[in-house]
Amino acid sequence: MDRQTPMDRESADRISAAADRDPASPTATSGFDDRAQAAADSNDAHDDEEDD
Protein backbone atom coordinates (compact mmCIF):
# COMPACT_ATOMS: atom_id res chain seq x y z
CA MET A 1 0.00 0.00 0.00
CA ASP A 2 1.38 3.38 -1.02
CA ARG A 3 1.54 6.15 1.52
CA GLN A 4 1.22 9.71 0.29
CA THR A 5 2.27 12.76 2.23
CA PRO A 6 0.95 16.13 1.05
CA MET A 7 3.56 18.67 -0.01
CA ASP A 8 4.04 21.23 2.73
CA ARG A 9 5.61 24.68 2.53
CA GLU A 10 8.81 23.64 4.32
CA SER A 11 9.47 20.79 1.89
CA ALA A 12 8.69 22.93 -1.15
CA ASP A 13 11.07 25.63 0.08
CA ARG A 14 13.80 23.04 0.62
CA ILE A 15 13.32 21.68 -2.92
CA SER A 16 13.42 25.18 -4.41
CA ALA A 17 16.58 26.03 -2.48
CA ALA A 18 18.27 22.90 -3.82
CA ALA A 19 17.26 23.82 -7.36
CA ASP A 20 18.60 27.35 -6.87
CA ARG A 21 21.93 26.01 -5.59
CA ASP A 22 22.38 23.78 -8.66
CA PRO A 23 20.41 25.05 -11.69
CA ALA A 24 21.70 22.14 -13.80
CA SER A 25 20.32 19.50 -11.41
CA PRO A 26 17.46 17.22 -12.46
CA THR A 27 15.24 18.91 -9.87
CA ALA A 28 15.78 22.31 -11.44
CA THR A 29 15.71 21.27 -15.09
CA SER A 30 12.59 19.11 -14.75
CA GLY A 31 10.56 21.90 -13.17
CA PHE A 32 9.96 19.84 -10.04
CA ASP A 33 10.67 22.85 -7.85
CA ASP A 34 7.85 24.79 -9.52
CA ARG A 35 5.46 21.84 -9.17
CA ALA A 36 6.39 21.46 -5.50
CA GLN A 37 5.64 25.14 -4.86
CA ALA A 38 2.30 24.83 -6.67
CA ALA A 39 1.38 21.75 -4.64
CA ALA A 40 2.29 23.49 -1.39
CA ASP A 41 0.18 26.50 -2.41
CA SER A 42 -2.73 24.20 -3.19
CA ASN A 43 -2.37 22.34 0.09
CA ASP A 44 -2.14 25.61 2.02
CA ALA A 45 -5.39 26.76 0.42
CA HIS A 46 -7.01 23.42 1.19
CA ASP A 47 -5.87 23.62 4.83
CA ASP A 48 -7.30 27.15 5.12
CA GLU A 49 -10.70 25.87 3.92
CA GLU A 50 -10.71 23.17 6.59
CA ASP A 51 -9.97 25.74 9.31
CA ASP A 52 -13.16 27.70 8.54
C-alpha atoms as a PDB file:
ATOM      1  CA  MET A   1       0.000   0.000   0.000  1.00  0.00           C
ATOM      2  CA  ASP A   2       1.380   3.384  -1.017  1.00  0.00           C
ATOM      3  CA  ARG A   3       1.544   6.152   1.515  1.00  0.00           C
ATOM      4  CA  GLN A   4       1.221   9.710   0.293  1.00  0.00           C
ATOM      5  CA  THR A   5       2.265  12.762   2.229  1.00  0.00           C
ATOM      6  CA  PRO A   6       0.946  16.128   1.054  1.00  0.00           C
ATOM      7  CA  MET A   7       3.565  18.665  -0.014  1.00  0.00           C
ATOM      8  CA  ASP A   8       4.042  21.231   2.726  1.00  0.00           C
ATOM      9  CA  ARG A   9       5.606  24.685   2.527  1.00  0.00           C
ATOM     10  CA  GLU A  10       8.813  23.644   4.318  1.00  0.00           C
ATOM     11  CA  SER A  11       9.469  20.787   1.890  1.00  0.00           C
ATOM     12  CA  ALA A  12       8.695  22.925  -1.148  1.00  0.00           C
ATOM     13  CA  ASP A  13      11.075  25.625   0.076  1.00  0.00           C
ATOM     14  CA  ARG A  14      13.802  23.044   0.617  1.00  0.00           C
ATOM     15  CA  ILE A  15      13.321  21.678  -2.918  1.00  0.00           C
ATOM     16  CA  SER A  16      13.417  25.181  -4.405  1.00  0.00           C
ATOM     17  CA  ALA A  17      16.581  26.027  -2.478  1.00  0.00           C
ATOM     18  CA  ALA A  18      18.272  22.900  -3.817  1.00  0.00           C
ATOM     19  CA  ALA A  19      17.260  23.818  -7.362  1.00  0.00           C
ATOM     20  CA  ASP A  20      18.597  27.352  -6.865  1.00  0.00           C
ATOM     21  CA  ARG A  21      21.929  26.014  -5.594  1.00  0.00           C
ATOM     22  CA  ASP A  22      22.383  23.780  -8.663  1.00  0.00           C
ATOM     23  CA  PRO A  23      20.413  25.049 -11.689  1.00  0.00           C
ATOM     24  CA  ALA A  24      21.696  22.139 -13.802  1.00  0.00           C
ATOM     25  CA  SER A  25      20.318  19.500 -11.409  1.00  0.00           C
ATOM     26  CA  PRO A  26      17.462  17.224 -12.464  1.00  0.00           C
ATOM     27  CA  THR A  27      15.236  18.906  -9.866  1.00  0.00           C
ATOM     28  CA  ALA A  28      15.785  22.313 -11.442  1.00  0.00           C
ATOM     29  CA  THR A  29      15.712  21.268 -15.091  1.00  0.00           C
ATOM     30  CA  SER A  30      12.587  19.113 -14.752  1.00  0.00           C
ATOM     31  CA  GLY A  31      10.561  21.896 -13.168  1.00  0.00           C
ATOM     32  CA  PHE A  32       9.961  19.840 -10.037  1.00  0.00           C
ATOM     33  CA  ASP A  33      10.672  22.851  -7.848  1.00  0.00           C
ATOM     34  CA  ASP A  34       7.846  24.787  -9.518  1.00  0.00           C
ATOM     35  CA  ARG A  35       5.460  21.843  -9.168  1.00  0.00           C
ATOM     36  CA  ALA A  36       6.393  21.457  -5.499  1.00  0.00           C
ATOM     37  CA  GLN A  37       5.644  25.140  -4.859  1.00  0.00           C
ATOM     38  CA  ALA A  38       2.300  24.834  -6.669  1.00  0.00           C
ATOM     39  CA  ALA A  39       1.383  21.753  -4.645  1.00  0.00           C
ATOM     40  CA  ALA A  40       2.288  23.487  -1.388  1.00  0.00           C
ATOM     41  CA  ASP A  41       0.183  26.503  -2.411  1.00  0.00           C
ATOM     42  CA  SER A  42      -2.726  24.200  -3.194  1.00  0.00           C
ATOM     43  CA  ASN A  43      -2.365  22.342   0.086  1.00  0.00           C
ATOM     44  CA  ASP A  44      -2.140  25.614   2.020  1.00  0.00           C
ATOM     45  CA  ALA A  45      -5.394  26.764   0.424  1.00  0.00           C
ATOM     46  CA  HIS A  46      -7.007  23.417   1.192  1.00  0.00           C
ATOM     47  CA  ASP A  47      -5.866  23.624   4.825  1.00  0.00           C
ATOM     48  CA  ASP A  48      -7.301  27.147   5.116  1.00  0.00           C
ATOM     49  CA  GLU A  49     -10.700  25.869   3.924  1.00  0.00           C
ATOM     50  CA  GLU A  50     -10.711  23.167   6.587  1.00  0.00           C
ATOM     51  CA  ASP A  51      -9.972  25.740   9.311  1.00  0.00           C
ATOM     52  CA  ASP A  52     -13.158  27.705   8.540  1.00  0.00           C
END
